[in-house]
């Protein structure tokens, strides 16, 4: 009898592109510890070269994220090129730099969906997470986008500090006229790993809130858990199987919430080669190389033993070194 294995594509179906690591905020939960741009951040011509490659590979859609993408002065050039090639594009932003003028230039470049960071129904909660007084600005930007007939979505990370008020999200969406909301569980990665007391929620409560929120058709689950909760497209996590992340230097990362990247970038190797790189192969087979005790883990209902990002805090040093080695 043949053994069933997860189908692996020759290249990712879609990508999230962290176009810069520079950011004008220092959010407590940030999994990339965004703030200062990388020394080897891709120049405009390099980005356009990679877009050409992704188009020829047949990438189905691209999400532009950061850091804060609006800190790149060439963002419109980048998005216009993606749009010219008829690749659907979405933009993640904290919204602070989204002036009327910038909104119009991004709209002209081809952006129709703007996903803004929202991490609290209450002003004080959101501002605490973001480390700055940004709540009122985000509310104004959502209205600004709607008035221009653009799609205003929001990204909400479920964590200890905002979990209780998360049950109010459907009513809050009605109140502010928000069309869609993507929810993520908090992952103990990046800057977030240094704020666990405020951010790390209990597994049972987190699972209950997610199940409750997903009853609202406007709310959907993002990241690794989407394929685990609703395995329609692929068995288990989609990371390194359907999607990956492109870093601001052009390297590939199997998952938003994992620190492991390819040694070389898309400037030196094509995506077919990097997709088959050792780090991606190790991520795909991680369950056979990592010691797990899922039955005693409070997050087992969430990840069902299939999400390495949830398991990262429990990795032994030698197990972590296994993924970092080439």
Protein backbone atom coordinates (compact mmCIF):
# COMPACT_ATOMS: atom_id res chain seq x y z
CA UNK A 1 0.00 0.00 0.00
CA UNK A 2 1.40 3.39 -0.94
CA UNK A 3 2.00 5.95 1.80
CA UNK A 4 0.03 9.19 1.63
CA UNK A 5 2.27 12.27 1.71
CA UNK A 6 1.49 15.98 1.60
CA UNK A 7 1.71 17.27 -1.98
CA UNK A 8 4.58 19.74 -2.42
CA UNK A 9 4.41 22.28 -5.22
CA UNK A 10 7.45 23.22 -7.28
CA UNK A 11 7.10 26.80 -6.04
CA UNK A 12 4.81 28.68 -3.62
CA UNK A 13 1.29 29.53 -4.70
CA UNK A 14 1.34 32.90 -2.97
CA UNK A 15 3.81 35.00 -1.03
CA UNK A 16 3.89 37.65 1.66
CA UNK A 17 6.66 40.13 1.00
CA UNK A 18 8.13 41.98 3.96
CA UNK A 19 9.25 44.81 1.72
CA UNK A 20 11.09 46.61 4.54
CA UNK A 21 11.95 45.99 8.17
CA UNK A 22 11.86 49.72 8.89
CA UNK A 23 8.92 50.79 11.03
CA UNK A 24 7.64 53.94 12.72
CA UNK A 25 6.23 51.93 15.66
CA UNK A 26 7.67 49.44 18.15
CA UNK A 27 4.66 47.21 18.74
CA UNK A 28 5.01 44.84 21.68
CA UNK A 29 3.75 41.81 19.76
CA UNK A 30 5.81 42.30 16.56
CA UNK A 31 7.11 38.90 15.43
CA UNK A 32 9.83 40.45 13.23
CA UNK A 33 11.09 43.00 15.80
CA UNK A 34 10.61 45.63 13.09
CA UNK A 35 12.15 49.06 13.52
CA UNK A 36 15.38 49.64 11.61
CA UNK A 37 15.71 48.65 7.96
CA UNK A 38 18.14 45.91 7.04
CA UNK A 39 21.49 46.93 5.63
CA UNK A 40 20.93 44.70 2.58
CA UNK A 41 17.36 45.84 1.91
CA UNK A 42 16.51 45.37 -1.76
CA UNK A 43 16.77 48.40 -4.03
CA UNK A 44 13.96 49.26 -6.43
CA UNK A 45 15.51 47.58 -9.48
CA UNK A 46 16.15 44.41 -7.49
CA UNK A 47 12.51 44.33 -6.35
CA UNK A 48 11.30 44.78 -9.93
CA UNK A 49 13.61 41.98 -11.08
CA UNK A 50 12.12 39.63 -8.48
CA UNK A 51 8.57 40.63 -9.44
CA UNK A 52 9.38 39.63 -13.02
CA UNK A 53 10.62 36.26 -11.75
CA UNK A 54 7.53 35.70 -9.57
CA UNK A 55 5.29 36.51 -12.51
CA UNK A 56 7.04 33.98 -14.75
CA UNK A 57 6.77 31.36 -11.99
CA UNK A 58 3.02 31.96 -11.81
CA UNK A 59 2.57 33.37 -8.30
CA UNK A 60 -1.18 33.80 -7.73
CA UNK A 61 -1.09 36.81 -5.40
CA UNK A 62 1.27 38.98 -3.34
CA UNK A 63 0.72 40.62 0.02
CA UNK A 64 3.01 43.54 0.80
CA UNK A 65 3.90 43.90 4.48
CA UNK A 66 6.73 45.09 6.67
CA UNK A 67 7.86 46.71 8.94
CA UNK A 68 5.87 49.60 7.60
CA UNK A 69 5.69 49.48 3.78
CA UNK A 70 4.72 53.16 3.47
CA UNK A 71 8.22 54.10 4.65
CA UNK A 72 9.46 53.03 1.20
CA UNK A 73 9.30 55.95 -1.22
CA UNK A 74 9.22 53.52 -4.15
CA UNK A 75 6.19 51.58 -2.87
CA UNK A 76 3.94 52.91 -5.63
CA UNK A 77 6.48 51.88 -8.29
CA UNK A 78 6.60 48.38 -6.82
CA UNK A 79 2.83 47.99 -6.58
CA UNK A 80 2.26 49.47 -10.04
CA UNK A 81 4.56 46.82 -11.51
CA UNK A 82 2.73 44.02 -9.69
CA UNK A 83 -0.59 45.45 -10.92
CA UNK A 84 0.71 45.81 -14.49
CA UNK A 85 1.36 42.08 -14.47
CA UNK A 86 -2.21 41.47 -13.27
CA UNK A 87 -1.09 39.85 -10.00
CA UNK A 88 -3.58 40.60 -7.20
CA UNK A 89 -1.92 42.66 -4.45
CA UNK A 90 -2.93 43.55 -0.90
CA UNK A 91 -1.21 45.93 1.50
CA UNK A 92 -0.63 45.58 5.24
CA UNK A 93 0.04 48.88 7.03
CA UNK A 94 -0.26 50.45 10.46
CA UNK A 95 -2.00 53.33 8.67
CA UNK A 96 -0.19 56.22 10.34
CA UNK A 97 1.40 57.44 7.10
CA UNK A 98 -1.73 56.98 4.99
CA UNK A 99 -2.46 60.60 4.12
CA UNK A 100 -5.13 61.45 1.56
CA UNK A 101 -2.38 62.10 -0.99
CA UNK A 102 -0.61 58.80 -0.29
CA UNK A 103 -3.88 56.92 -0.43
CA UNK A 104 -4.61 58.35 -3.87
CA UNK A 105 -1.16 57.47 -5.20
CA UNK A 106 -1.44 53.91 -3.88
CA UNK A 107 -4.92 53.61 -5.34
CA UNK A 108 -3.59 54.78 -8.70
CA UNK A 109 -0.81 52.19 -8.43
CA UNK A 110 -3.39 49.44 -8.00
CA UNK A 111 -4.09 48.86 -4.30
CA UNK A 112 -7.75 48.20 -3.58
CA UNK A 113 -7.46 46.40 -0.23
CA UNK A 114 -5.76 48.02 2.75
CA UNK A 115 -5.37 45.92 5.90
CA UNK A 116 -4.72 48.06 8.96
CA UNK A 117 -3.38 46.97 12.35
CA UNK A 118 -6.10 47.00 15.01
CA UNK A 119 -5.36 45.34 18.33
CA UNK A 120 -8.07 46.43 20.69
CA UNK A 121 -11.72 47.42 20.76
CA UNK A 122 -10.77 49.81 23.55
CA UNK A 123 -8.46 52.75 22.88
CA UNK A 124 -6.18 52.03 25.84
CA UNK A 125 -5.72 48.38 24.86
CA UNK A 126 -4.78 49.11 21.25
CA UNK A 127 -2.42 51.92 22.29
CA UNK A 128 -0.72 49.71 24.88
CA UNK A 129 0.01 47.01 22.30
CA UNK A 130 1.32 49.52 19.75
CA UNK A 131 3.31 51.55 22.25
CA UNK A 132 1.84 54.81 20.92
CA UNK A 133 -1.43 56.74 20.77
CA UNK A 134 -2.65 55.45 17.40
CA UNK A 135 -6.23 54.23 17.99
CA UNK A 136 -8.05 57.40 16.93
CA UNK A 137 -5.85 57.72 13.85
CA UNK A 138 -6.72 54.16 12.76
CA UNK A 139 -10.43 54.89 13.16
CA UNK A 140 -10.06 57.97 10.93
CA UNK A 141 -8.09 56.02 8.30
CA UNK A 142 -10.78 53.32 8.10
CA UNK A 143 -13.38 56.02 7.42
CA UNK A 144 -11.04 57.68 4.92
CA UNK A 145 -10.66 54.42 2.98
CA UNK A 146 -14.40 53.71 2.95
CA UNK A 147 -15.16 57.23 1.72
CA UNK A 148 -12.88 56.50 -1.25
CA UNK A 149 -14.66 53.20 -2.03
CA UNK A 150 -11.61 51.17 -1.03
CA UNK A 151 -11.67 47.93 0.95
CA UNK A 152 -10.75 48.57 4.58
CA UNK A 153 -9.77 45.40 6.41
CA UNK A 154 -8.09 44.99 9.77
CA UNK A 155 -5.57 42.62 11.33
CA UNK A 156 -6.18 41.64 14.96
CA UNK A 157 -3.68 39.58 16.97
CA UNK A 158 -5.40 37.69 19.78
CA UNK A 159 -3.37 37.98 22.96
CA UNK A 160 -3.82 38.07 26.71
CA UNK A 161 -4.22 41.84 26.91
CA UNK A 162 -7.02 42.05 24.31
CA UNK A 163 -8.63 38.61 24.46
CA UNK A 164 -11.60 39.41 26.71
CA UNK A 165 -12.73 42.34 24.58
CA UNK A 166 -12.24 40.32 21.38
CA UNK A 167 -15.76 38.90 21.79
CA UNK A 168 -17.00 42.45 21.07
CA UNK A 169 -15.34 42.53 17.65
CA UNK A 170 -18.44 41.73 15.53
CA UNK A 171 -20.36 44.59 17.18
CA UNK A 172 -17.35 46.88 16.88
CA UNK A 173 -17.08 46.07 13.17
CA UNK A 174 -20.71 47.11 12.73
CA UNK A 175 -20.04 50.33 14.63
CA UNK A 176 -17.07 51.45 12.52
CA UNK A 177 -18.22 49.86 9.24
CA UNK A 178 -15.31 47.44 8.91
CA UNK A 179 -15.83 45.00 6.04
CA UNK A 180 -13.48 42.17 7.05
CA UNK A 181 -11.21 41.19 9.91
CA UNK A 182 -8.29 38.77 9.88
CA UNK A 183 -7.47 37.28 13.28
CA UNK A 184 -4.18 35.71 14.33
CA UNK A 185 -3.19 34.05 17.58
CA UNK A 186 -0.17 35.61 19.27
CA UNK A 187 3.07 33.78 18.54
CA UNK A 188 6.00 34.13 20.99
CA UNK A 189 8.40 35.38 18.33
CA UNK A 190 10.48 38.50 17.75
CA UNK A 191 9.72 41.38 20.13
CA UNK A 192 6.69 39.50 21.40
CA UNK A 193 8.93 36.93 23.10
CA UNK A 194 10.02 39.67 25.51
CA UNK A 195 6.45 40.55 26.58
CA UNK A 196 4.95 37.14 27.34
CA UNK A 197 3.37 38.20 30.66
CA UNK A 198 1.14 40.71 28.85
CA UNK A 199 0.64 38.90 25.56
CA UNK A 200 0.63 35.11 25.91
CA UNK A 201 -2.96 33.91 26.34
CA UNK A 202 -4.07 30.54 27.68
CA UNK A 203 -4.69 27.90 25.04
CA UNK A 204 -8.23 26.92 26.08
CA UNK A 205 -9.52 30.50 26.17
CA UNK A 206 -7.76 31.35 22.91
CA UNK A 207 -9.35 28.35 21.18
CA UNK A 208 -12.81 29.24 22.52
CA UNK A 209 -12.57 32.86 21.32
CA UNK A 210 -11.36 31.84 17.84
CA UNK A 211 -14.22 29.36 17.42
CA UNK A 212 -16.71 32.00 18.55
CA UNK A 213 -15.37 34.71 16.24
CA UNK A 214 -15.26 32.46 13.19
CA UNK A 215 -19.05 32.14 13.35
CA UNK A 216 -19.09 35.65 11.84
CA UNK A 217 -18.46 35.28 8.09
CA UNK A 218 -16.63 38.63 7.98
CA UNK A 219 -13.95 37.27 10.30
CA UNK A 220 -11.35 34.81 9.06
CA UNK A 221 -8.26 33.14 10.44
CA UNK A 222 -4.87 34.09 9.04
CA UNK A 223 -1.48 32.44 9.09
CA UNK A 224 -0.58 28.81 9.72
CA UNK A 225 -3.73 27.87 11.59
CA UNK A 226 -6.02 28.56 8.65
CA UNK A 227 -5.10 25.28 6.97
CA UNK A 228 -5.13 23.43 10.30
CA UNK A 229 -8.59 24.63 11.36
CA UNK A 230 -10.09 24.22 7.89
CA UNK A 231 -7.96 21.75 5.87
CA UNK A 232 -9.62 22.27 2.49
CA UNK A 233 -6.57 23.14 0.36
CA UNK A 234 -3.84 21.21 2.14
CA UNK A 235 -3.26 18.85 5.01
CA UNK A 236 -1.89 20.74 8.02
CA UNK A 237 0.05 23.98 7.91
CA UNK A 238 0.39 25.71 4.51
CA UNK A 239 3.84 27.07 5.39
CA UNK A 240 6.53 25.85 2.98
CA UNK A 241 3.81 23.92 1.13
CA UNK A 242 1.54 26.60 -0.36
CA UNK A 243 3.13 29.85 0.75
CA UNK A 244 6.23 31.50 2.11
CA UNK A 245 7.61 34.89 3.09
CA UNK A 246 10.10 36.97 1.12
CA UNK A 247 12.27 39.06 3.44
CA UNK A 248 13.34 42.63 2.74
CA UNK A 249 16.71 41.26 1.58
CA UNK A 250 15.08 38.82 -0.86
CA UNK A 251 15.60 35.65 1.17
CA UNK A 252 12.81 33.13 1.72
CA UNK A 253 11.30 32.25 5.09
CA UNK A 254 8.92 29.28 5.36
CA UNK A 255 6.57 31.05 7.77
CA UNK A 256 5.90 34.54 9.13
CA UNK A 257 6.45 33.34 12.67
CA UNK A 258 9.62 31.28 12.22
CA UNK A 259 13.11 32.84 12.28
CA UNK A 260 14.71 30.46 9.77
CA UNK A 261 15.63 31.79 6.32
CA UNK A 262 17.45 30.61 3.22
CA UNK A 263 21.11 31.59 3.08
CA UNK A 264 20.85 32.97 -0.45
CA UNK A 265 18.33 35.39 -1.91
CA UNK A 266 16.20 35.56 -5.04
CA UNK A 267 18.90 37.75 -6.55
CA UNK A 268 21.22 34.75 -6.72
CA UNK A 269 18.96 31.72 -7.00
CA UNK A 270 15.51 31.22 -8.48
CA UNK A 271 12.53 30.43 -6.32
CA UNK A 272 12.47 26.80 -7.50
CA UNK A 273 15.91 26.21 -5.95
CA UNK A 274 15.18 28.10 -2.73
CA UNK A 275 11.86 26.27 -2.36
CA UNK A 276 13.87 23.02 -2.27
CA UNK A 277 16.53 24.41 0.08
CA UNK A 278 17.48 22.49 3.25
CA UNK A 279 15.62 24.84 5.59
CA UNK A 280 12.35 24.37 3.69
CA UNK A 281 12.76 20.59 3.55
CA UNK A 282 13.41 20.53 7.31
CA UNK A 283 10.33 22.62 8.05
CA UNK A 284 8.17 20.29 5.95
CA UNK A 285 9.38 17.26 7.91
CA UNK A 286 9.76 18.88 11.33
CA UNK A 287 7.35 16.49 13.05
CA UNK A 288 9.72 13.59 12.46
CA UNK A 289 12.73 15.39 13.95
CA UNK A 290 11.27 17.20 16.98
CA UNK A 291 10.31 15.61 20.26
CA UNK A 292 6.70 16.55 21.10
CA UNK A 293 4.33 16.04 23.99
CA UNK A 294 1.14 17.42 22.47
CA UNK A 295 -1.27 15.76 24.87
CA UNK A 296 0.05 17.79 27.79
CA UNK A 297 0.21 21.05 25.79
CA UNK A 298 -2.56 23.62 26.37
CA UNK A 299 -2.35 24.74 22.72
CA UNK A 300 -3.00 21.32 21.19
CA UNK A 301 -6.57 22.25 20.18
CA UNK A 302 -5.19 25.19 18.24
CA UNK A 303 -2.28 23.73 16.34
CA UNK A 304 -3.20 20.01 16.58
CA UNK A 305 0.51 19.25 16.73
CA UNK A 306 1.02 20.61 13.20
CA UNK A 307 2.39 24.12 13.78
CA UNK A 308 6.11 24.49 14.49
CA UNK A 309 5.71 28.18 15.36
CA UNK A 310 3.60 27.24 18.40
CA UNK A 311 6.21 24.66 19.36
CA UNK A 312 9.23 27.02 19.11
CA UNK A 313 9.40 27.85 22.86
CA UNK A 314 9.68 24.13 23.64
CA UNK A 315 12.49 23.32 21.19
CA UNK A 316 15.71 21.96 22.61
CA UNK A 317 18.88 23.81 21.62
CA UNK A 318 20.00 20.96 19.39
CA UNK A 319 16.58 20.86 17.70
CA UNK A 320 16.70 24.58 16.96
CA UNK A 321 20.26 24.19 15.66
CA UNK A 322 18.98 21.50 13.29
CA UNK A 323 16.81 24.06 11.46
CA UNK A 324 19.54 26.70 11.40
CA UNK A 325 22.15 24.41 9.85
CA UNK A 326 22.41 23.95 6.08
